[in-house]
Structure formats: C-alpha cells, structure tokens
Protein backbone atom coordinates (compact mmCIF):
# COMPACT_ATOMS: atom_id res chain seq x y z
CA UNK A 1 -46.37 -59.58 -13.99
CA UNK A 2 -44.93 -60.89 -11.16
CA UNK A 3 -44.34 -58.47 -7.89
CA UNK A 4 -40.15 -59.29 -8.43
CA UNK A 5 -40.40 -58.61 -11.99
CA UNK A 6 -41.65 -55.21 -11.41
CA UNK A 7 -39.38 -54.93 -8.67
CA UNK A 8 -36.57 -55.81 -11.42
CA UNK A 9 -37.71 -53.06 -13.60
CA UNK A 10 -38.16 -50.38 -11.29
CA UNK A 11 -34.70 -50.97 -9.91
CA UNK A 12 -32.80 -50.87 -12.89
CA UNK A 13 -34.39 -47.51 -13.66
CA UNK A 14 -33.93 -46.19 -10.66
CA UNK A 15 -30.46 -45.04 -12.26
CA UNK A 16 -29.73 -41.99 -13.97
CA UNK A 17 -27.98 -43.42 -17.01
CA UNK A 18 -30.25 -46.17 -17.60
CA UNK A 19 -32.98 -44.14 -17.59
CA UNK A 20 -31.61 -41.54 -20.17
CA UNK A 21 -30.60 -44.74 -22.58
CA UNK A 22 -34.45 -46.39 -21.66
CA UNK A 23 -35.85 -42.95 -22.69
CA UNK A 24 -33.93 -42.53 -25.66
CA UNK A 25 -34.97 -45.88 -26.84
CA UNK A 26 -38.88 -45.62 -25.92
CA UNK A 27 -38.41 -41.69 -28.03
CA UNK A 28 -36.63 -43.37 -30.68
CA UNK A 29 -39.19 -46.12 -31.20
CA UNK A 30 -39.39 -49.43 -32.88
CA UNK A 31 -36.43 -48.89 -35.20
CA UNK A 32 -33.87 -48.87 -32.23
CA UNK A 33 -30.20 -47.70 -31.38
CA UNK A 34 -27.10 -48.83 -31.95
CA UNK A 35 -24.75 -48.64 -29.10
CA UNK A 36 -22.17 -46.33 -30.63
CA UNK A 37 -25.32 -43.86 -31.39
CA UNK A 38 -26.19 -44.31 -27.75
CA UNK A 39 -23.06 -43.42 -25.92
CA UNK A 40 -22.46 -40.55 -28.32
CA UNK A 41 -25.67 -39.06 -27.51
CA UNK A 42 -25.33 -40.02 -24.16
CA UNK A 43 -21.54 -38.98 -24.04
CA UNK A 44 -20.30 -41.90 -22.01
CA UNK A 45 -17.91 -44.37 -22.63
CA UNK A 46 -18.59 -48.22 -24.70
CA UNK A 47 -17.76 -50.04 -21.73
CA UNK A 48 -20.23 -48.04 -19.18
CA UNK A 49 -23.22 -48.62 -22.07
CA UNK A 50 -22.04 -51.61 -22.12
CA UNK A 51 -22.52 -52.50 -18.20
CA UNK A 52 -26.19 -50.61 -18.35
CA UNK A 53 -27.48 -52.33 -20.68
CA UNK A 54 -26.89 -55.51 -19.45
CA UNK A 55 -28.70 -54.04 -16.71
CA UNK A 56 -31.59 -53.63 -18.90
CA UNK A 57 -31.72 -56.37 -20.85
CA UNK A 58 -31.42 -58.40 -17.37
CA UNK A 59 -34.39 -56.45 -16.53
CA UNK A 60 -36.23 -57.20 -19.54
CA UNK A 61 -36.84 -52.89 -20.53
CA UNK A 62 -34.72 -53.76 -23.82
CA UNK A 63 -34.30 -56.38 -26.14
CA UNK A 64 -31.07 -56.95 -28.04
CA UNK A 65 -31.20 -58.19 -32.06
CA UNK A 66 -28.03 -58.31 -34.14
CA UNK A 67 -28.56 -56.78 -37.91
CA UNK A 68 -25.18 -57.57 -39.95
CA UNK A 69 -22.55 -56.21 -37.97
CA UNK A 70 -24.49 -53.98 -35.80
CA UNK A 71 -26.76 -54.78 -32.86
CA UNK A 72 -29.63 -52.55 -32.26
CA UNK A 73 -31.29 -52.40 -28.82
CA UNK A 74 -35.06 -51.33 -28.87
CA UNK A 75 -37.18 -50.60 -25.65
CA UNK A 76 -39.64 -53.60 -25.03
CA UNK A 77 -43.16 -51.47 -24.93
CA UNK A 78 -45.03 -54.47 -23.93
CA UNK A 79 -42.81 -55.09 -20.92
CA UNK A 80 -43.41 -51.57 -20.08
CA UNK A 81 -47.01 -51.16 -20.47
CA UNK A 82 -46.81 -54.54 -18.16
CA UNK A 83 -45.03 -52.73 -15.48
CA UNK A 84 -47.38 -49.71 -15.69
CA UNK A 85 -50.36 -52.08 -15.53
CA UNK A 86 -48.68 -53.89 -12.32
CA UNK A 87 -48.87 -50.21 -10.99
CA UNK A 88 -52.17 -48.77 -11.40
CA UNK A 89 -53.86 -51.86 -11.26
CA UNK A 90 -57.06 -51.28 -9.24
CA UNK A 91 -56.61 -48.02 -9.24
CA UNK A 92 -58.66 -45.57 -7.33
CA UNK A 93 -60.65 -49.13 -6.26
CA UNK A 94 -61.85 -49.68 -9.33
CA UNK A 95 -63.74 -46.34 -10.25
CA UNK A 96 -62.72 -43.95 -12.82
CA UNK A 97 -59.43 -42.64 -12.22
CA UNK A 98 -58.97 -38.62 -12.56
CA UNK A 99 -55.78 -39.20 -13.74
CA UNK A 100 -54.90 -40.43 -17.19
CA UNK A 101 -52.47 -41.39 -19.25
CA UNK A 102 -50.63 -38.66 -21.71
CA UNK A 103 -52.28 -39.56 -25.38
CA UNK A 104 -48.78 -40.17 -26.06
CA UNK A 105 -48.17 -42.81 -23.08
CA UNK A 106 -52.08 -44.59 -24.84
CA UNK A 107 -50.14 -44.84 -28.30
CA UNK A 108 -47.16 -46.79 -27.30
CA UNK A 109 -50.32 -49.78 -27.39
CA UNK A 110 -48.89 -50.13 -31.40
CA UNK A 111 -45.07 -49.75 -30.74
C-alpha cells in the first residue's frame, strides 16, 4: 500500500461523521446499509450523508453497489486491513509485539 493511499484513508476518517459512518458499516458487516438507514441512524440529512459517503468512497474505505432501486454501502474490509497493516508493518522492530489486535479485529480477515 502506498503512503499516499494511507494518508487519504486516515484523512477521510479524521472527521466525526465519517468515522461514525465507517464504524456503522464495519459493525453491520457484509450485508451493508442503505443511505436512508444510515441517515436515520446517525440523524443527518441525506445531502450531508452523500457528501461524507463520497469522501469515504474516494478513500477506498467503502464500496457501493446497486441492488434494484437501492444503493448498498459496505465497509471495504480489505482496504481497512491494508491500512492497519501499513501502520503496524515492522512493529517492534520485527520482534513479537506485546500489543495484539482484539479478537474481533482478527476475525475481519473473513469479511
């Protein structure tokens, strides 16, 4: 993963609403969410939601799929894991690190 890609992803998440959106999509898992569900759940307007989703899409952190009349957004778990991998690459100078990922984060390899 390129450093510029990581910077773009971290910049997209460095905003409270986008972080909430991304976390909601991570919690939901592979089935994803529609914009209406997200807007209602976070209490934001559809236009604000659209703006924030566009930023997350541009950073590659979410995917968008059309299912009949609806758009479904999903967390891009592979991209998320790539960013985490970049941040922890060569952790502790290659030695076993005392800090380990929570079990839930380790389970995301199957998403």
